[in-house]
Amino acid sequence: MINEIKLKNREAKKEPSREPYAQNPLYQKNVCVGCELCNREHPGRNKNFRTLWKLYMHYKTHHNLEINSHKDDIVKLADFIHRGVLL
């Protein structure tokens, strides 16, 4: 009984995941982020996204080769949102 309560308390205090998935609240928060690859290729036509999830899906569908290198950057942005650096 006591072990079950301790386990529930640990799970409640658990940090939210920084990994991208559609229901992650860190990735659904409204922030304006842009695609640096599209902005470099087509100056003057900025690709901006309201959420990190939309940016992640854009990288995954339009820049398939670069997604691995940019996924770390997106996860860092989610970490900044969690810490309160980006509001």
C-alpha atoms as a PDB file:
ATOM      1  CA  MET A   1       0.000   0.000   0.000  1.00  0.00           C
ATOM      2  CA  ILE A   2       2.724   2.488   0.961  1.00  0.00           C
ATOM      3  CA  ASN A   3       4.807   1.484  -2.066  1.00  0.00           C
ATOM      4  CA  GLU A   4       1.829   2.146  -4.357  1.00  0.00           C
ATOM      5  CA  ILE A   5       1.403   5.657  -2.929  1.00  0.00           C
ATOM      6  CA  LYS A   6       5.121   6.379  -3.355  1.00  0.00           C
ATOM      7  CA  LEU A   7       4.966   5.141  -6.951  1.00  0.00           C
ATOM      8  CA  LYS A   8       1.957   7.371  -7.716  1.00  0.00           C
ATOM      9  CA  ASN A   9       3.726  10.382  -6.179  1.00  0.00           C
ATOM     10  CA  ARG A  10       6.822   9.731  -8.296  1.00  0.00           C
ATOM     11  CA  GLU A  11       4.723   9.471 -11.445  1.00  0.00           C
ATOM     12  CA  ALA A  12       2.873  12.695 -10.589  1.00  0.00           C
ATOM     13  CA  LYS A  13       6.157  14.599 -10.177  1.00  0.00           C
ATOM     14  CA  LYS A  14       7.562  13.174 -13.398  1.00  0.00           C
ATOM     15  CA  GLU A  15       8.837  15.755 -15.887  1.00  0.00           C
ATOM     16  CA  PRO A  16       6.812  16.098 -19.098  1.00  0.00           C
ATOM     17  CA  SER A  17       8.342  14.495 -22.140  1.00  0.00           C
ATOM     18  CA  ARG A  18      10.319  16.674 -24.546  1.00  0.00           C
ATOM     19  CA  GLU A  19       9.803  14.186 -27.395  1.00  0.00           C
ATOM     20  CA  PRO A  20       7.516  15.345 -30.218  1.00  0.00           C
ATOM     21  CA  TYR A  21       4.055  13.806 -30.382  1.00  0.00           C
ATOM     22  CA  ALA A  22       0.715  15.357 -31.296  1.00  0.00           C
ATOM     23  CA  GLN A  23      -0.784  15.485 -27.776  1.00  0.00           C
ATOM     24  CA  ASN A  24       2.318  16.840 -26.040  1.00  0.00           C
ATOM     25  CA  PRO A  25       1.281  20.183 -24.477  1.00  0.00           C
ATOM     26  CA  LEU A  26       4.769  21.627 -24.993  1.00  0.00           C
ATOM     27  CA  TYR A  27       4.349  21.167 -28.739  1.00  0.00           C
ATOM     28  CA  GLN A  28       0.826  22.636 -28.783  1.00  0.00           C
ATOM     29  CA  LYS A  29       1.695  25.922 -27.067  1.00  0.00           C
ATOM     30  CA  ASN A  30       1.384  28.968 -29.357  1.00  0.00           C
ATOM     31  CA  VAL A  31       4.838  30.204 -30.381  1.00  0.00           C
ATOM     32  CA  CYS A  32       5.870  31.655 -33.714  1.00  0.00           C
ATOM     33  CA  VAL A  33       8.731  29.578 -35.137  1.00  0.00           C
ATOM     34  CA  GLY A  34      10.043  29.529 -38.687  1.00  0.00           C
ATOM     35  CA  CYS A  35      11.682  27.012 -40.980  1.00  0.00           C
ATOM     36  CA  GLU A  36      15.249  28.146 -41.490  1.00  0.00           C
ATOM     37  CA  LEU A  37      15.730  25.933 -44.549  1.00  0.00           C
ATOM     38  CA  CYS A  38      12.725  27.375 -46.403  1.00  0.00           C
ATOM     39  CA  ASN A  39      13.664  30.913 -45.365  1.00  0.00           C
ATOM     40  CA  ARG A  40      17.160  30.405 -46.831  1.00  0.00           C
ATOM     41  CA  GLU A  41      15.918  28.859 -50.078  1.00  0.00           C
ATOM     42  CA  HIS A  42      13.143  31.424 -50.670  1.00  0.00           C
ATOM     43  CA  PRO A  43      14.068  34.759 -49.076  1.00  0.00           C
ATOM     44  CA  GLY A  44      11.099  37.060 -48.637  1.00  0.00           C
ATOM     45  CA  ARG A  45       8.631  34.161 -48.356  1.00  0.00           C
ATOM     46  CA  ASN A  46       8.933  33.200 -44.715  1.00  0.00           C
ATOM     47  CA  LYS A  47       7.482  29.897 -43.543  1.00  0.00           C
ATOM     48  CA  ASN A  48       6.292  30.489 -39.982  1.00  0.00           C
ATOM     49  CA  PHE A  49       4.382  28.032 -37.817  1.00  0.00           C
ATOM     50  CA  ARG A  50       2.253  28.602 -34.726  1.00  0.00           C
ATOM     51  CA  THR A  51       3.332  25.486 -32.827  1.00  0.00           C
ATOM     52  CA  LEU A  52       6.419  23.318 -32.552  1.00  0.00           C
ATOM     53  CA  TRP A  53       4.328  20.354 -33.651  1.00  0.00           C
ATOM     54  CA  LYS A  54       3.521  22.021 -36.979  1.00  0.00           C
ATOM     55  CA  LEU A  55       7.218  22.858 -37.454  1.00  0.00           C
ATOM     56  CA  TYR A  56       8.177  19.261 -36.641  1.00  0.00           C
ATOM     57  CA  MET A  57       5.666  17.884 -39.156  1.00  0.00           C
ATOM     58  CA  HIS A  58       6.883  20.384 -41.781  1.00  0.00           C
ATOM     59  CA  TYR A  59      10.476  19.180 -41.335  1.00  0.00           C
ATOM     60  CA  LYS A  60       9.335  15.570 -41.445  1.00  0.00           C
ATOM     61  CA  THR A  61       7.328  15.940 -44.674  1.00  0.00           C
ATOM     62  CA  HIS A  62       9.267  18.582 -46.629  1.00  0.00           C
ATOM     63  CA  HIS A  63      12.854  18.153 -45.419  1.00  0.00           C
ATOM     64  CA  ASN A  64      12.990  14.412 -44.796  1.00  0.00           C
ATOM     65  CA  LEU A  65      16.768  14.188 -44.952  1.00  0.00           C
ATOM     66  CA  GLU A  66      17.426  16.961 -42.453  1.00  0.00           C
ATOM     67  CA  ILE A  67      14.859  15.940 -39.825  1.00  0.00           C
ATOM     68  CA  ASN A  68      17.379  14.084 -37.642  1.00  0.00           C
ATOM     69  CA  SER A  69      19.631  17.090 -37.237  1.00  0.00           C
ATOM     70  CA  HIS A  70      16.744  19.508 -36.665  1.00  0.00           C
ATOM     71  CA  LYS A  71      14.792  17.264 -34.292  1.00  0.00           C
ATOM     72  CA  ASP A  72      17.333  18.045 -31.570  1.00  0.00           C
ATOM     73  CA  ASP A  73      16.764  21.772 -32.104  1.00  0.00           C
ATOM     74  CA  ILE A  74      12.999  21.345 -31.840  1.00  0.00           C
ATOM     75  CA  VAL A  75      13.401  19.331 -28.626  1.00  0.00           C
ATOM     76  CA  LYS A  76      15.627  22.125 -27.220  1.00  0.00           C
ATOM     77  CA  LEU A  77      12.919  24.673 -28.031  1.00  0.00           C
ATOM     78  CA  ALA A  78      10.389  22.478 -26.186  1.00  0.00           C
ATOM     79  CA  ASP A  79      12.763  22.396 -23.224  1.00  0.00           C
ATOM     80  CA  PHE A  80      13.003  26.202 -23.272  1.00  0.00           C
ATOM     81  CA  ILE A  81       9.194  26.421 -23.281  1.00  0.00           C
ATOM     82  CA  HIS A  82       9.030  24.040 -20.317  1.00  0.00           C
ATOM     83  CA  ARG A  83      11.587  26.086 -18.365  1.00  0.00           C
ATOM     84  CA  GLY A  84       9.716  29.316 -19.110  1.00  0.00           C
ATOM     85  CA  VAL A  85      12.437  30.889 -21.233  1.00  0.00           C
ATOM     86  CA  LEU A  86      10.094  31.025 -24.245  1.00  0.00           C
ATOM     87  CA  LEU A  87       6.584  32.120 -23.430  1.00  0.00           C
END
